[in-house]
Amino acid sequence: MSEYYNERAIYRNARRALIVGLIGILVILISFLVLMALLAGSVIPQSSAYAVGRLYGYLGMGPLLIVVYFLILIFLRRSFNILSTRTGEKMFRTAGYLVILGIVLTLFSIG
């Protein structure tokens, strides 16, 4: 649709959302694997290592995940809003609101 309406911002914002999401997932995965590798070779008992891993998951990766979610939200919402404006179809704007709702519900562990 970006080519049809000659609006490159639609494609560009959707692509940025995808790239931010992929990079965010890779950073979280790599940091988790590094932490597990460090804890596996440590001298702390296994139950303590498990507790440290869970603590890092909540305190370390949680805020990073929230930041990644909101960056994805910003870019997708821009893309949907531009698409709604260019096409005149209000359902694209509604889709942007549903993305916001999905991310907020995910943050509260509901969705």
C-alpha atoms as a PDB file:
ATOM      1  CA  MET A   1       0.000   0.000   0.000  1.00  0.00           C
ATOM      2  CA  SER A   2       2.981   2.208   0.504  1.00  0.00           C
ATOM      3  CA  GLU A   3       3.718   2.114  -3.217  1.00  0.00           C
ATOM      4  CA  TYR A   4       0.096   2.522  -4.229  1.00  0.00           C
ATOM      5  CA  TYR A   5      -0.346   5.700  -2.185  1.00  0.00           C
ATOM      6  CA  ASN A   6       3.214   6.834  -2.894  1.00  0.00           C
ATOM      7  CA  GLU A   7       3.843   7.245   0.848  1.00  0.00           C
ATOM      8  CA  ARG A   8       7.163   5.725   1.847  1.00  0.00           C
ATOM      9  CA  ALA A   9       6.609   6.522   5.535  1.00  0.00           C
ATOM     10  CA  ILE A  10       4.076   3.671   5.792  1.00  0.00           C
ATOM     11  CA  TYR A  11       6.659   1.081   4.819  1.00  0.00           C
ATOM     12  CA  ARG A  12       9.513   2.800   6.631  1.00  0.00           C
ATOM     13  CA  ASN A  13       7.704   2.885   9.991  1.00  0.00           C
ATOM     14  CA  ALA A  14       6.529  -0.727   9.715  1.00  0.00           C
ATOM     15  CA  ARG A  15      10.078  -1.793   8.822  1.00  0.00           C
ATOM     16  CA  ARG A  16      11.502   0.114  11.793  1.00  0.00           C
ATOM     17  CA  ALA A  17       9.035  -1.616  14.117  1.00  0.00           C
ATOM     18  CA  LEU A  18      10.162  -4.998  12.805  1.00  0.00           C
ATOM     19  CA  ILE A  19      13.850  -4.151  13.143  1.00  0.00           C
ATOM     20  CA  VAL A  20      13.443  -2.800  16.685  1.00  0.00           C
ATOM     21  CA  GLY A  21      11.525  -5.935  17.661  1.00  0.00           C
ATOM     22  CA  LEU A  22      14.134  -8.290  16.241  1.00  0.00           C
ATOM     23  CA  ILE A  23      17.050  -6.419  17.800  1.00  0.00           C
ATOM     24  CA  GLY A  24      15.234  -6.253  21.147  1.00  0.00           C
ATOM     25  CA  ILE A  25      14.572  -9.994  21.135  1.00  0.00           C
ATOM     26  CA  LEU A  26      18.188 -10.738  20.230  1.00  0.00           C
ATOM     27  CA  VAL A  27      19.549  -8.480  22.990  1.00  0.00           C
ATOM     28  CA  ILE A  28      17.266 -10.057  25.591  1.00  0.00           C
ATOM     29  CA  LEU A  29      18.110 -13.588  24.444  1.00  0.00           C
ATOM     30  CA  ILE A  30      21.859 -12.994  24.368  1.00  0.00           C
ATOM     31  CA  SER A  31      21.883 -11.298  27.772  1.00  0.00           C
ATOM     32  CA  PHE A  32      19.866 -14.172  29.243  1.00  0.00           C
ATOM     33  CA  LEU A  33      22.200 -16.783  27.748  1.00  0.00           C
ATOM     34  CA  VAL A  34      25.273 -14.938  29.029  1.00  0.00           C
ATOM     35  CA  LEU A  35      23.770 -14.754  32.507  1.00  0.00           C
ATOM     36  CA  MET A  36      22.943 -18.459  32.500  1.00  0.00           C
ATOM     37  CA  ALA A  37      26.459 -19.306  31.308  1.00  0.00           C
ATOM     38  CA  LEU A  38      27.966 -17.205  34.090  1.00  0.00           C
ATOM     39  CA  LEU A  39      25.703 -18.778  36.706  1.00  0.00           C
ATOM     40  CA  ALA A  40      26.393 -22.313  35.446  1.00  0.00           C
ATOM     41  CA  GLY A  41      30.115 -21.908  36.072  1.00  0.00           C
ATOM     42  CA  SER A  42      29.721 -20.182  39.413  1.00  0.00           C
ATOM     43  CA  VAL A  43      30.109 -21.655  42.853  1.00  0.00           C
ATOM     44  CA  ILE A  44      26.673 -20.592  44.079  1.00  0.00           C
ATOM     45  CA  PRO A  45      24.260 -23.432  44.845  1.00  0.00           C
ATOM     46  CA  GLN A  46      21.821 -24.359  42.093  1.00  0.00           C
ATOM     47  CA  SER A  47      18.759 -23.021  43.947  1.00  0.00           C
ATOM     48  CA  SER A  48      20.433 -19.631  44.413  1.00  0.00           C
ATOM     49  CA  ALA A  49      21.414 -19.519  40.760  1.00  0.00           C
ATOM     50  CA  TYR A  50      17.788 -20.136  39.846  1.00  0.00           C
ATOM     51  CA  ALA A  51      16.688 -17.291  42.112  1.00  0.00           C
ATOM     52  CA  VAL A  52      19.282 -14.943  40.622  1.00  0.00           C
ATOM     53  CA  GLY A  53      18.118 -15.884  37.126  1.00  0.00           C
ATOM     54  CA  ARG A  54      14.495 -15.126  37.973  1.00  0.00           C
ATOM     55  CA  LEU A  55      15.462 -11.852  39.659  1.00  0.00           C
ATOM     56  CA  TYR A  56      17.396 -10.793  36.573  1.00  0.00           C
ATOM     57  CA  GLY A  57      14.439 -11.749  34.429  1.00  0.00           C
ATOM     58  CA  TYR A  58      12.096  -9.498  36.371  1.00  0.00           C
ATOM     59  CA  LEU A  59      14.421  -6.585  37.057  1.00  0.00           C
ATOM     60  CA  GLY A  60      16.799  -6.718  34.102  1.00  0.00           C
ATOM     61  CA  MET A  61      14.844  -7.891  31.116  1.00  0.00           C
ATOM     62  CA  GLY A  62      11.434  -6.558  32.161  1.00  0.00           C
ATOM     63  CA  PRO A  63      12.222  -2.865  31.657  1.00  0.00           C
ATOM     64  CA  LEU A  64      14.094  -3.653  28.448  1.00  0.00           C
ATOM     65  CA  LEU A  65      11.084  -5.544  27.159  1.00  0.00           C
ATOM     66  CA  ILE A  66       8.796  -2.630  28.036  1.00  0.00           C
ATOM     67  CA  VAL A  67      11.042  -0.192  26.140  1.00  0.00           C
ATOM     68  CA  VAL A  68      11.109  -2.479  23.097  1.00  0.00           C
ATOM     69  CA  TYR A  69       7.301  -2.832  23.221  1.00  0.00           C
ATOM     70  CA  PHE A  70       6.791   0.916  23.310  1.00  0.00           C
ATOM     71  CA  LEU A  71       9.228   1.526  20.444  1.00  0.00           C
ATOM     72  CA  ILE A  72       7.369  -1.046  18.366  1.00  0.00           C
ATOM     73  CA  LEU A  73       4.109   0.633  19.359  1.00  0.00           C
ATOM     74  CA  ILE A  74       5.282   4.063  18.266  1.00  0.00           C
ATOM     75  CA  PHE A  75       6.398   2.919  14.820  1.00  0.00           C
ATOM     76  CA  LEU A  76       3.383   0.703  14.134  1.00  0.00           C
ATOM     77  CA  ARG A  77       0.975   3.389  15.284  1.00  0.00           C
ATOM     78  CA  ARG A  78       2.601   5.934  12.981  1.00  0.00           C
ATOM     79  CA  SER A  79       2.296   3.526  10.087  1.00  0.00           C
ATOM     80  CA  PHE A  80      -1.376   2.783  10.806  1.00  0.00           C
ATOM     81  CA  ASN A  81      -2.226   6.466  11.244  1.00  0.00           C
ATOM     82  CA  ILE A  82      -0.601   7.438   7.953  1.00  0.00           C
ATOM     83  CA  LEU A  83      -2.372   4.546   6.247  1.00  0.00           C
ATOM     84  CA  SER A  84      -5.690   5.628   7.742  1.00  0.00           C
ATOM     85  CA  THR A  85      -5.184   9.203   6.592  1.00  0.00           C
ATOM     86  CA  ARG A  86      -4.166   8.266   3.051  1.00  0.00           C
ATOM     87  CA  THR A  87      -6.896   5.664   2.494  1.00  0.00           C
ATOM     88  CA  GLY A  88      -9.692   7.374   4.393  1.00  0.00           C
ATOM     89  CA  GLU A  89     -10.418   4.069   6.132  1.00  0.00           C
ATOM     90  CA  LYS A  90     -10.867   4.545   9.891  1.00  0.00           C
ATOM     91  CA  MET A  91     -10.271   0.849  10.625  1.00  0.00           C
ATOM     92  CA  PHE A  92      -6.513   1.367  10.290  1.00  0.00           C
ATOM     93  CA  ARG A  93      -6.642   3.920  13.103  1.00  0.00           C
ATOM     94  CA  THR A  94      -8.639   1.389  15.141  1.00  0.00           C
ATOM     95  CA  ALA A  95      -5.932  -1.181  14.462  1.00  0.00           C
ATOM     96  CA  GLY A  96      -3.405   1.264  15.918  1.00  0.00           C
ATOM     97  CA  TYR A  97      -5.519   1.564  19.053  1.00  0.00           C
ATOM     98  CA  LEU A  98      -5.749  -2.212  19.303  1.00  0.00           C
ATOM     99  CA  VAL A  99      -1.952  -2.433  19.177  1.00  0.00           C
ATOM    100  CA  ILE A 100      -1.817  -0.016  22.122  1.00  0.00           C
ATOM    101  CA  LEU A 101      -4.406  -2.067  23.994  1.00  0.00           C
ATOM    102  CA  GLY A 102      -2.533  -5.304  23.339  1.00  0.00           C
ATOM    103  CA  ILE A 103       0.755  -3.925  24.603  1.00  0.00           C
ATOM    104  CA  VAL A 104      -0.809  -2.394  27.723  1.00  0.00           C
ATOM    105  CA  LEU A 105      -2.606  -5.642  28.550  1.00  0.00           C
ATOM    106  CA  THR A 106       0.586  -7.615  27.975  1.00  0.00           C
ATOM    107  CA  LEU A 107       2.433  -5.364  30.405  1.00  0.00           C
ATOM    108  CA  PHE A 108      -0.150  -6.179  33.066  1.00  0.00           C
ATOM    109  CA  SER A 109       0.050  -9.901  32.216  1.00  0.00           C
ATOM    110  CA  ILE A 110      -3.536 -10.013  31.043  1.00  0.00           C
ATOM    111  CA  GLY A 111      -3.159 -10.361  27.288  1.00  0.00           C
END
